[in-house]
Amino acid sequence: MSDATYEVVNNRENQQFEVRLDGELAQLTYRYYKKDIAFMHTTVPPAMAGKGVASALARAAFAFAAAEKKLVMVYCPFVAKFIKDHPEYRSQLDPAYYGKG
């Protein structure tokens, strides 16, 4: 994993956070669901794998949810693992969806 900083863009029209690097596109898609925001899926091209891009997308997504005052529902396996590795984001999960967990 890299400590590199990536420019993450929120493509609101397509409801996804994006990182472009060397002609490749990584993305984390989201949807609004009821009163929450749901993180659906993260896609990182093989050329960008292992460089911290997915983590940068997840951090940007959680920052966006906080700014929007939305609790989070996680459907994306990567984001679920990210939360296990970064428990500081657990407080943003919707307790109605996750229980006290």
N, C-alpha and C. Protein backbone atom coordinates (compact mmCIF):
# COMPACT_ATOMS: atom_id res chain seq x y z
N MET A 1 0.85 -1.18 0.00
CA MET A 1 0.00 0.00 0.00
C MET A 1 0.89 1.23 0.00
N SER A 2 0.39 2.24 -0.65
CA SER A 2 1.15 3.48 -0.80
C SER A 2 0.61 4.57 0.12
N ASP A 3 1.47 5.52 0.45
CA ASP A 3 1.05 6.69 1.20
C ASP A 3 0.71 7.84 0.24
N ALA A 4 0.62 7.54 -1.04
CA ALA A 4 0.35 8.57 -2.03
C ALA A 4 -1.01 9.21 -1.79
N THR A 5 -1.12 10.47 -2.15
CA THR A 5 -2.38 11.18 -2.06
C THR A 5 -2.96 11.26 -3.47
N TYR A 6 -4.23 10.92 -3.57
CA TYR A 6 -4.90 10.93 -4.87
C TYR A 6 -5.99 11.98 -4.89
N GLU A 7 -6.21 12.55 -6.05
CA GLU A 7 -7.33 13.47 -6.21
C GLU A 7 -8.59 12.65 -6.44
N VAL A 8 -9.49 12.70 -5.48
CA VAL A 8 -10.75 11.97 -5.58
C VAL A 8 -11.83 12.96 -5.97
N VAL A 9 -12.54 12.65 -7.04
CA VAL A 9 -13.61 13.51 -7.55
C VAL A 9 -14.95 12.84 -7.29
N ASN A 10 -15.90 13.62 -6.78
CA ASN A 10 -17.26 13.11 -6.61
C ASN A 10 -18.03 13.42 -7.89
N ASN A 11 -18.27 12.39 -8.68
CA ASN A 11 -19.06 12.51 -9.90
C ASN A 11 -20.52 12.32 -9.48
N ARG A 12 -21.16 13.43 -9.11
CA ARG A 12 -22.53 13.36 -8.57
C ARG A 12 -23.52 12.82 -9.60
N GLU A 13 -23.31 13.13 -10.87
CA GLU A 13 -24.23 12.67 -11.92
C GLU A 13 -24.27 11.14 -11.97
N ASN A 14 -23.11 10.51 -11.86
CA ASN A 14 -23.03 9.04 -11.89
C ASN A 14 -23.01 8.43 -10.50
N GLN A 15 -23.10 9.26 -9.47
CA GLN A 15 -23.07 8.82 -8.07
C GLN A 15 -21.88 7.88 -7.82
N GLN A 16 -20.70 8.43 -8.05
CA GLN A 16 -19.50 7.66 -7.77
C GLN A 16 -18.32 8.60 -7.50
N PHE A 17 -17.45 8.12 -6.63
CA PHE A 17 -16.18 8.79 -6.39
C PHE A 17 -15.18 8.19 -7.35
N GLU A 18 -14.33 9.04 -7.91
CA GLU A 18 -13.42 8.59 -8.96
C GLU A 18 -11.99 9.04 -8.71
N VAL A 19 -11.06 8.19 -9.10
CA VAL A 19 -9.64 8.54 -9.18
C VAL A 19 -9.19 8.14 -10.57
N ARG A 20 -8.61 9.09 -11.28
CA ARG A 20 -8.04 8.81 -12.61
C ARG A 20 -6.53 8.85 -12.47
N LEU A 21 -5.89 7.83 -13.02
CA LEU A 21 -4.44 7.72 -12.94
C LEU A 21 -3.93 6.99 -14.17
N ASP A 22 -3.07 7.65 -14.91
CA ASP A 22 -2.47 7.05 -16.11
C ASP A 22 -3.52 6.47 -17.06
N GLY A 23 -4.59 7.22 -17.27
CA GLY A 23 -5.63 6.79 -18.21
C GLY A 23 -6.60 5.74 -17.68
N GLU A 24 -6.44 5.35 -16.43
CA GLU A 24 -7.32 4.35 -15.81
C GLU A 24 -8.28 5.06 -14.86
N LEU A 25 -9.43 4.42 -14.60
CA LEU A 25 -10.43 4.97 -13.71
C LEU A 25 -10.78 3.97 -12.61
N ALA A 26 -10.62 4.40 -11.36
CA ALA A 26 -11.08 3.63 -10.21
C ALA A 26 -12.32 4.35 -9.67
N GLN A 27 -13.27 3.59 -9.12
CA GLN A 27 -14.49 4.22 -8.65
C GLN A 27 -15.11 3.49 -7.48
N LEU A 28 -15.80 4.26 -6.67
CA LEU A 28 -16.62 3.73 -5.59
C LEU A 28 -18.01 4.31 -5.81
N THR A 29 -18.98 3.44 -6.11
CA THR A 29 -20.33 3.90 -6.40
C THR A 29 -21.15 4.00 -5.12
N TYR A 30 -22.07 4.96 -5.13
CA TYR A 30 -22.96 5.14 -3.98
C TYR A 30 -24.36 5.42 -4.47
N ARG A 31 -25.32 5.21 -3.59
CA ARG A 31 -26.72 5.52 -3.85
C ARG A 31 -27.32 6.10 -2.58
N TYR A 32 -28.27 6.98 -2.74
CA TYR A 32 -29.04 7.45 -1.60
C TYR A 32 -30.15 6.44 -1.35
N TYR A 33 -30.30 6.03 -0.10
CA TYR A 33 -31.33 5.05 0.24
C TYR A 33 -32.00 5.50 1.53
N LYS A 34 -33.30 5.77 1.44
CA LYS A 34 -34.06 6.30 2.57
C LYS A 34 -33.33 7.54 3.08
N LYS A 35 -32.93 7.55 4.34
CA LYS A 35 -32.24 8.72 4.90
C LYS A 35 -30.72 8.56 4.86
N ASP A 36 -30.24 7.46 4.33
CA ASP A 36 -28.82 7.12 4.36
C ASP A 36 -28.16 7.27 2.99
N ILE A 37 -26.85 7.02 3.00
CA ILE A 37 -26.10 6.86 1.76
C ILE A 37 -25.51 5.45 1.80
N ALA A 38 -25.65 4.74 0.70
CA ALA A 38 -25.17 3.36 0.63
C ALA A 38 -23.95 3.30 -0.29
N PHE A 39 -22.88 2.70 0.22
CA PHE A 39 -21.68 2.48 -0.59
C PHE A 39 -21.83 1.12 -1.25
N MET A 40 -21.93 1.13 -2.57
CA MET A 40 -22.33 -0.06 -3.31
C MET A 40 -21.18 -0.95 -3.77
N HIS A 41 -20.20 -0.36 -4.45
CA HIS A 41 -19.16 -1.19 -5.07
C HIS A 41 -17.93 -0.35 -5.35
N THR A 42 -16.77 -0.95 -5.14
CA THR A 42 -15.50 -0.31 -5.47
C THR A 42 -14.84 -1.10 -6.59
N THR A 43 -14.38 -0.40 -7.61
CA THR A 43 -13.69 -1.02 -8.73
C THR A 43 -12.35 -0.32 -8.91
N VAL A 44 -11.28 -1.10 -8.89
CA VAL A 44 -9.93 -0.56 -9.11
C VAL A 44 -9.27 -1.41 -10.20
N PRO A 45 -8.87 -0.79 -11.31
CA PRO A 45 -8.19 -1.54 -12.38
C PRO A 45 -6.90 -2.19 -11.86
N PRO A 46 -6.52 -3.32 -12.43
CA PRO A 46 -5.31 -4.02 -11.99
C PRO A 46 -4.06 -3.13 -11.95
N ALA A 47 -3.93 -2.21 -12.89
CA ALA A 47 -2.75 -1.33 -12.92
C ALA A 47 -2.69 -0.41 -11.71
N MET A 48 -3.82 -0.20 -11.02
CA MET A 48 -3.86 0.69 -9.87
C MET A 48 -3.92 -0.08 -8.55
N ALA A 49 -3.98 -1.39 -8.62
CA ALA A 49 -4.13 -2.21 -7.42
C ALA A 49 -2.92 -2.10 -6.51
N GLY A 50 -3.17 -2.13 -5.20
CA GLY A 50 -2.09 -2.12 -4.22
C GLY A 50 -1.43 -0.77 -3.99
N LYS A 51 -2.03 0.29 -4.50
CA LYS A 51 -1.44 1.62 -4.39
C LYS A 51 -2.22 2.53 -3.44
N GLY A 52 -3.20 1.98 -2.74
CA GLY A 52 -3.97 2.78 -1.79
C GLY A 52 -5.11 3.56 -2.41
N VAL A 53 -5.41 3.29 -3.67
CA VAL A 53 -6.47 4.03 -4.37
C VAL A 53 -7.84 3.73 -3.76
N ALA A 54 -8.14 2.46 -3.51
CA ALA A 54 -9.44 2.10 -2.95
C ALA A 54 -9.63 2.73 -1.56
N SER A 55 -8.59 2.75 -0.77
CA SER A 55 -8.68 3.39 0.55
C SER A 55 -8.93 4.89 0.43
N ALA A 56 -8.30 5.52 -0.55
CA ALA A 56 -8.53 6.95 -0.78
C ALA A 56 -9.98 7.19 -1.17
N LEU A 57 -10.54 6.31 -2.00
CA LEU A 57 -11.95 6.42 -2.37
C LEU A 57 -12.85 6.27 -1.15
N ALA A 58 -12.55 5.29 -0.30
CA ALA A 58 -13.36 5.06 0.89
C ALA A 58 -13.29 6.25 1.84
N ARG A 59 -12.12 6.79 2.07
CA ARG A 59 -11.99 7.96 2.95
C ARG A 59 -12.80 9.14 2.41
N ALA A 60 -12.73 9.36 1.11
CA ALA A 60 -13.49 10.46 0.50
C ALA A 60 -14.99 10.21 0.63
N ALA A 61 -15.40 8.97 0.47
CA ALA A 61 -16.82 8.64 0.59
C ALA A 61 -17.33 8.89 2.01
N PHE A 62 -16.56 8.48 3.01
CA PHE A 62 -16.96 8.72 4.40
C PHE A 62 -16.95 10.22 4.73
N ALA A 63 -16.00 10.95 4.19
CA ALA A 63 -15.96 12.40 4.42
C ALA A 63 -17.18 13.06 3.79
N PHE A 64 -17.57 12.62 2.62
CA PHE A 64 -18.75 13.14 1.95
C PHE A 64 -20.01 12.84 2.77
N ALA A 65 -20.14 11.60 3.25
CA ALA A 65 -21.30 11.23 4.05
C ALA A 65 -21.39 12.11 5.30
N ALA A 66 -20.26 12.36 5.93
CA ALA A 66 -20.25 13.20 7.13
C ALA A 66 -20.66 14.63 6.78
N ALA A 67 -20.15 15.16 5.68
CA ALA A 67 -20.48 16.52 5.26
C ALA A 67 -21.97 16.64 4.92
N GLU A 68 -22.54 15.58 4.37
CA GLU A 68 -23.96 15.56 4.01
C GLU A 68 -24.85 15.20 5.20
N LYS A 69 -24.21 14.89 6.34
CA LYS A 69 -24.94 14.46 7.55
C LYS A 69 -25.80 13.24 7.27
N LYS A 70 -25.20 12.28 6.56
CA LYS A 70 -25.88 11.02 6.23
C LYS A 70 -25.17 9.87 6.92
N LEU A 71 -25.95 8.96 7.48
CA LEU A 71 -25.37 7.73 7.98
C LEU A 71 -25.13 6.81 6.80
N VAL A 72 -24.30 5.80 7.01
CA VAL A 72 -23.82 4.95 5.92
C VAL A 72 -24.33 3.52 6.05
N MET A 73 -24.68 2.97 4.90
CA MET A 73 -24.95 1.54 4.76
C MET A 73 -23.89 1.01 3.79
N VAL A 74 -23.32 -0.15 4.11
CA VAL A 74 -22.23 -0.69 3.30
C VAL A 74 -22.65 -1.99 2.62
N TYR A 75 -22.61 -1.98 1.30
CA TYR A 75 -22.85 -3.18 0.50
C TYR A 75 -21.56 -3.66 -0.16
N CYS A 76 -20.57 -2.79 -0.21
CA CYS A 76 -19.30 -3.08 -0.89
C CYS A 76 -18.38 -3.90 0.01
N PRO A 77 -17.91 -5.07 -0.46
CA PRO A 77 -16.99 -5.87 0.35
C PRO A 77 -15.70 -5.14 0.72
N PHE A 78 -15.17 -4.33 -0.20
CA PHE A 78 -13.94 -3.61 0.15
C PHE A 78 -14.19 -2.64 1.30
N VAL A 79 -15.27 -1.88 1.23
CA VAL A 79 -15.56 -0.90 2.28
C VAL A 79 -15.82 -1.61 3.60
N ALA A 80 -16.46 -2.78 3.56
CA ALA A 80 -16.67 -3.55 4.79
C ALA A 80 -15.34 -3.91 5.43
N LYS A 81 -14.37 -4.33 4.63
CA LYS A 81 -13.04 -4.63 5.16
C LYS A 81 -12.33 -3.36 5.63
N PHE A 82 -12.50 -2.29 4.89
CA PHE A 82 -11.91 -1.00 5.26
C PHE A 82 -12.37 -0.59 6.66
N ILE A 83 -13.64 -0.76 6.95
CA ILE A 83 -14.18 -0.41 8.27
C ILE A 83 -13.56 -1.27 9.36
N LYS A 84 -13.35 -2.54 9.07
CA LYS A 84 -12.70 -3.42 10.07
C LYS A 84 -11.29 -2.94 10.37
N ASP A 85 -10.60 -2.47 9.34
CA ASP A 85 -9.22 -2.00 9.50
C ASP A 85 -9.14 -0.57 10.03
N HIS A 86 -10.24 0.18 9.92
CA HIS A 86 -10.28 1.59 10.34
C HIS A 86 -11.54 1.82 11.18
N PRO A 87 -11.52 1.36 12.43
CA PRO A 87 -12.73 1.43 13.26
C PRO A 87 -13.22 2.84 13.54
N GLU A 88 -12.40 3.84 13.26
CA GLU A 88 -12.83 5.22 13.49
C GLU A 88 -14.03 5.61 12.61
N TYR A 89 -14.31 4.84 11.58
CA TYR A 89 -15.45 5.14 10.69
C TYR A 89 -16.73 4.43 11.13
N ARG A 90 -16.65 3.52 12.08
CA ARG A 90 -17.84 2.75 12.50
C ARG A 90 -18.96 3.63 13.03
N SER A 91 -18.61 4.76 13.63
CA SER A 91 -19.65 5.65 14.17
C SER A 91 -20.53 6.23 13.08
N GLN A 92 -20.10 6.15 11.82
CA GLN A 92 -20.90 6.67 10.72
C GLN A 92 -21.89 5.65 10.16
N LEU A 93 -21.81 4.41 10.64
CA LEU A 93 -22.73 3.39 10.15
C LEU A 93 -24.10 3.58 10.78
N ASP A 94 -25.14 3.32 10.01
CA ASP A 94 -26.51 3.48 10.50
C ASP A 94 -26.80 2.36 11.50
N PRO A 95 -27.01 2.69 12.78
CA PRO A 95 -27.25 1.65 13.78
C PRO A 95 -28.55 0.89 13.54
N ALA A 96 -29.51 1.49 12.85
CA ALA A 96 -30.76 0.78 12.53
C ALA A 96 -30.49 -0.36 11.56
N TYR A 97 -29.46 -0.19 10.75
CA TYR A 97 -29.12 -1.21 9.75
C TYR A 97 -28.13 -2.23 10.32
N TYR A 98 -27.21 -1.78 11.15
CA TYR A 98 -26.13 -2.64 11.64
C TYR A 98 -26.32 -3.10 13.08
N GLY A 99 -27.31 -2.59 13.77
CA GLY A 99 -27.45 -2.90 15.18
C GLY A 99 -26.36 -2.22 15.97
N LYS A 100 -26.06 -2.73 17.12
CA LYS A 100 -25.03 -2.08 17.95
C LYS A 100 -23.64 -2.57 17.63
N GLY A 101 -23.52 -3.55 16.78
CA GLY A 101 -22.40 -4.14 16.37
C GLY A 101 -21.08 -4.19 16.33
